[in-house]
Amino acid sequence: MKGKVTTTSIVHDPEYGDYLSVFVPIKNGNEVIGILGVDIDASKVDATASTVLGGILPLMIIINVIIDDRSGCTNMVLD
């Protein structure tokens, strides 16, 4: 962990379902004095990721089109 936020991949558990775990260091200055761990339902993570990507992706496409247009980039097809 080395004093940084750590996550696991999705765990497929027959009893508890699909989840992932997040671990965050509890610090006193630079010293790690504990760890906070939270398990998150994997379906909540998927829903949140979809919401974020759904809001950001169209904006990123528009920005890339504007940047490409301003830089004079053209698409070329090579034979």
N, C-alpha and C. Protein backbone atom coordinates (compact mmCIF):
# COMPACT_ATOMS: atom_id res chain seq x y z
N MET A 1 0.83 -1.19 0.00
CA MET A 1 0.00 0.00 0.00
C MET A 1 0.87 1.25 0.00
N LYS A 2 1.91 1.27 0.76
CA LYS A 2 2.91 2.34 0.76
C LYS A 2 2.32 3.75 0.91
N GLY A 3 1.27 3.88 1.73
CA GLY A 3 0.72 5.20 2.02
C GLY A 3 -0.17 5.78 0.94
N LYS A 4 -0.60 4.96 -0.01
CA LYS A 4 -1.44 5.45 -1.10
C LYS A 4 -2.76 4.67 -1.13
N VAL A 5 -3.75 5.26 -1.81
CA VAL A 5 -5.04 4.59 -1.99
C VAL A 5 -4.83 3.36 -2.86
N THR A 6 -5.45 2.24 -2.47
CA THR A 6 -5.32 0.99 -3.20
C THR A 6 -6.70 0.39 -3.41
N THR A 7 -6.91 -0.21 -4.58
CA THR A 7 -8.17 -0.90 -4.84
C THR A 7 -7.88 -2.32 -5.32
N THR A 8 -8.85 -3.18 -5.11
CA THR A 8 -8.75 -4.54 -5.63
C THR A 8 -9.52 -4.60 -6.95
N SER A 9 -9.30 -5.65 -7.68
CA SER A 9 -10.16 -5.90 -8.84
C SER A 9 -11.49 -6.42 -8.31
N ILE A 10 -12.46 -6.60 -9.18
CA ILE A 10 -13.78 -7.06 -8.75
C ILE A 10 -13.66 -8.50 -8.25
N VAL A 11 -14.20 -8.73 -7.07
CA VAL A 11 -14.22 -10.06 -6.45
C VAL A 11 -15.59 -10.67 -6.71
N HIS A 12 -15.62 -11.89 -7.22
CA HIS A 12 -16.88 -12.59 -7.48
C HIS A 12 -17.09 -13.59 -6.35
N ASP A 13 -17.95 -13.24 -5.40
CA ASP A 13 -18.18 -14.05 -4.21
C ASP A 13 -19.61 -14.62 -4.26
N PRO A 14 -19.76 -15.94 -4.17
CA PRO A 14 -21.10 -16.53 -4.26
C PRO A 14 -22.02 -16.11 -3.10
N GLU A 15 -21.44 -15.80 -1.95
CA GLU A 15 -22.25 -15.42 -0.79
C GLU A 15 -22.59 -13.92 -0.78
N TYR A 16 -21.63 -13.08 -1.11
CA TYR A 16 -21.82 -11.63 -1.00
C TYR A 16 -22.02 -10.94 -2.35
N GLY A 17 -21.85 -11.66 -3.44
CA GLY A 17 -22.00 -11.06 -4.76
C GLY A 17 -20.70 -10.43 -5.24
N ASP A 18 -20.79 -9.64 -6.27
CA ASP A 18 -19.61 -9.00 -6.86
C ASP A 18 -19.33 -7.68 -6.14
N TYR A 19 -18.08 -7.50 -5.74
CA TYR A 19 -17.69 -6.26 -5.05
C TYR A 19 -16.22 -6.00 -5.29
N LEU A 20 -15.80 -4.79 -4.96
CA LEU A 20 -14.38 -4.49 -4.92
C LEU A 20 -14.09 -3.76 -3.62
N SER A 21 -12.85 -3.79 -3.22
CA SER A 21 -12.45 -3.16 -1.97
C SER A 21 -11.53 -1.99 -2.24
N VAL A 22 -11.67 -0.96 -1.40
CA VAL A 22 -10.82 0.22 -1.49
C VAL A 22 -10.16 0.40 -0.12
N PHE A 23 -8.87 0.65 -0.12
CA PHE A 23 -8.12 0.86 1.11
C PHE A 23 -7.45 2.23 1.07
N VAL A 24 -7.65 3.01 2.13
CA VAL A 24 -7.12 4.37 2.21
C VAL A 24 -6.29 4.48 3.49
N PRO A 25 -5.07 5.01 3.38
CA PRO A 25 -4.27 5.16 4.59
C PRO A 25 -4.81 6.27 5.49
N ILE A 26 -4.72 6.05 6.77
CA ILE A 26 -5.02 7.10 7.75
C ILE A 26 -3.67 7.59 8.24
N LYS A 27 -3.43 8.88 8.05
CA LYS A 27 -2.10 9.42 8.33
C LYS A 27 -2.12 10.43 9.47
N ASN A 28 -1.01 10.50 10.15
CA ASN A 28 -0.72 11.56 11.11
C ASN A 28 0.55 12.20 10.59
N GLY A 29 0.39 13.30 9.84
CA GLY A 29 1.54 13.88 9.14
C GLY A 29 1.91 12.96 8.00
N ASN A 30 3.14 12.52 7.94
CA ASN A 30 3.59 11.57 6.91
C ASN A 30 3.53 10.13 7.38
N GLU A 31 3.20 9.92 8.64
CA GLU A 31 3.19 8.57 9.21
C GLU A 31 1.82 7.92 9.02
N VAL A 32 1.81 6.70 8.46
CA VAL A 32 0.57 5.94 8.32
C VAL A 32 0.30 5.28 9.67
N ILE A 33 -0.86 5.62 10.25
CA ILE A 33 -1.20 5.08 11.58
C ILE A 33 -2.36 4.09 11.52
N GLY A 34 -2.94 3.92 10.34
CA GLY A 34 -4.03 2.97 10.20
C GLY A 34 -4.48 2.89 8.75
N ILE A 35 -5.44 2.01 8.53
CA ILE A 35 -5.99 1.82 7.18
C ILE A 35 -7.51 1.75 7.30
N LEU A 36 -8.19 2.47 6.40
CA LEU A 36 -9.63 2.39 6.29
C LEU A 36 -9.94 1.57 5.05
N GLY A 37 -10.71 0.51 5.22
CA GLY A 37 -11.10 -0.33 4.09
C GLY A 37 -12.61 -0.31 3.91
N VAL A 38 -13.03 -0.23 2.65
CA VAL A 38 -14.46 -0.20 2.33
C VAL A 38 -14.70 -1.16 1.16
N ASP A 39 -15.75 -1.98 1.29
CA ASP A 39 -16.18 -2.83 0.18
C ASP A 39 -17.33 -2.13 -0.54
N ILE A 40 -17.28 -2.13 -1.87
CA ILE A 40 -18.28 -1.43 -2.68
C ILE A 40 -18.90 -2.43 -3.64
N ASP A 41 -20.23 -2.42 -3.70
CA ASP A 41 -20.97 -3.27 -4.63
C ASP A 41 -20.53 -2.94 -6.05
N ALA A 42 -20.11 -3.96 -6.81
CA ALA A 42 -19.59 -3.74 -8.15
C ALA A 42 -20.61 -3.08 -9.07
N SER A 43 -21.90 -3.34 -8.87
CA SER A 43 -22.91 -2.71 -9.73
C SER A 43 -22.95 -1.20 -9.52
N LYS A 44 -22.64 -0.74 -8.31
CA LYS A 44 -22.59 0.70 -8.05
C LYS A 44 -21.41 1.33 -8.79
N VAL A 45 -20.30 0.62 -8.86
CA VAL A 45 -19.12 1.13 -9.56
C VAL A 45 -19.41 1.22 -11.05
N ASP A 46 -20.03 0.18 -11.61
CA ASP A 46 -20.37 0.19 -13.04
C ASP A 46 -21.32 1.33 -13.35
N ALA A 47 -22.33 1.54 -12.50
CA ALA A 47 -23.31 2.61 -12.73
C ALA A 47 -22.64 3.98 -12.66
N THR A 48 -21.75 4.17 -11.69
CA THR A 48 -21.05 5.44 -11.54
C THR A 48 -20.13 5.69 -12.73
N ALA A 49 -19.40 4.68 -13.15
CA ALA A 49 -18.50 4.83 -14.30
C ALA A 49 -19.29 5.17 -15.55
N SER A 50 -20.43 4.52 -15.75
CA SER A 50 -21.26 4.81 -16.93
C SER A 50 -21.77 6.24 -16.91
N THR A 51 -22.18 6.70 -15.73
CA THR A 51 -22.68 8.07 -15.60
C THR A 51 -21.58 9.08 -15.91
N VAL A 52 -20.40 8.86 -15.35
CA VAL A 52 -19.28 9.77 -15.56
C VAL A 52 -18.87 9.77 -17.03
N LEU A 53 -18.71 8.58 -17.61
CA LEU A 53 -18.31 8.51 -19.01
C LEU A 53 -19.38 9.08 -19.93
N GLY A 54 -20.63 8.86 -19.60
CA GLY A 54 -21.72 9.40 -20.40
C GLY A 54 -21.73 10.92 -20.42
N GLY A 55 -21.30 11.54 -19.32
CA GLY A 55 -21.25 12.99 -19.25
C GLY A 55 -19.99 13.58 -19.84
N ILE A 56 -18.89 12.88 -19.72
CA ILE A 56 -17.60 13.41 -20.15
C ILE A 56 -17.28 13.07 -21.60
N LEU A 57 -17.64 11.89 -22.06
CA LEU A 57 -17.25 11.45 -23.39
C LEU A 57 -17.71 12.39 -24.51
N PRO A 58 -18.98 12.82 -24.54
CA PRO A 58 -19.36 13.74 -25.62
C PRO A 58 -18.56 15.04 -25.59
N LEU A 59 -18.29 15.56 -24.40
CA LEU A 59 -17.50 16.78 -24.27
C LEU A 59 -16.08 16.57 -24.79
N MET A 60 -15.48 15.44 -24.47
CA MET A 60 -14.12 15.16 -24.93
C MET A 60 -14.07 15.04 -26.45
N ILE A 61 -15.09 14.46 -27.04
CA ILE A 61 -15.13 14.34 -28.51
C ILE A 61 -15.20 15.72 -29.14
N ILE A 62 -16.07 16.58 -28.60
CA ILE A 62 -16.20 17.94 -29.13
C ILE A 62 -14.89 18.70 -29.01
N ILE A 63 -14.23 18.59 -27.86
CA ILE A 63 -12.96 19.29 -27.66
C ILE A 63 -11.91 18.78 -28.64
N ASN A 64 -11.85 17.47 -28.85
CA ASN A 64 -10.87 16.92 -29.79
C ASN A 64 -11.14 17.38 -31.22
N VAL A 65 -12.41 17.47 -31.60
CA VAL A 65 -12.75 17.95 -32.94
C VAL A 65 -12.32 19.40 -33.11
N ILE A 66 -12.57 20.22 -32.10
CA ILE A 66 -12.17 21.63 -32.16
C ILE A 66 -10.66 21.76 -32.24
N ILE A 67 -9.94 21.01 -31.43
CA ILE A 67 -8.47 21.07 -31.43
C ILE A 67 -7.93 20.61 -32.78
N ASP A 68 -8.46 19.50 -33.31
CA ASP A 68 -8.01 19.01 -34.62
C ASP A 68 -8.28 20.04 -35.71
N ASP A 69 -9.44 20.68 -35.64
CA ASP A 69 -9.81 21.67 -36.65
C ASP A 69 -8.88 22.88 -36.58
N ARG A 70 -8.55 23.33 -35.39
CA ARG A 70 -7.69 24.50 -35.23
C ARG A 70 -6.25 24.22 -35.60
N SER A 71 -5.82 22.99 -35.42
CA SER A 71 -4.42 22.67 -35.73
C SER A 71 -4.23 22.36 -37.21
N GLY A 72 -5.32 22.35 -37.95
CA GLY A 72 -5.21 22.13 -39.39
C GLY A 72 -4.97 20.68 -39.75
N CYS A 73 -5.27 19.78 -38.83
CA CYS A 73 -5.08 18.36 -39.12
C CYS A 73 -6.12 17.90 -40.13
N THR A 74 -5.68 17.09 -41.05
CA THR A 74 -6.60 16.47 -42.00
C THR A 74 -6.34 14.98 -42.00
N ASN A 75 -7.37 14.25 -42.27
CA ASN A 75 -7.22 12.80 -42.35
C ASN A 75 -6.77 12.43 -43.75
N MET A 76 -5.74 11.63 -43.84
CA MET A 76 -5.23 11.21 -45.13
C MET A 76 -5.36 9.70 -45.24
N VAL A 77 -5.75 9.25 -46.39
CA VAL A 77 -5.81 7.82 -46.64
C VAL A 77 -4.61 7.46 -47.50
N LEU A 78 -3.84 6.52 -47.01
CA LEU A 78 -2.64 6.10 -47.75
C LEU A 78 -2.97 4.86 -48.56
N ASP A 79 -2.55 4.85 -49.82
CA ASP A 79 -2.79 3.69 -50.69
C ASP A 79 -1.76 2.63 -50.42
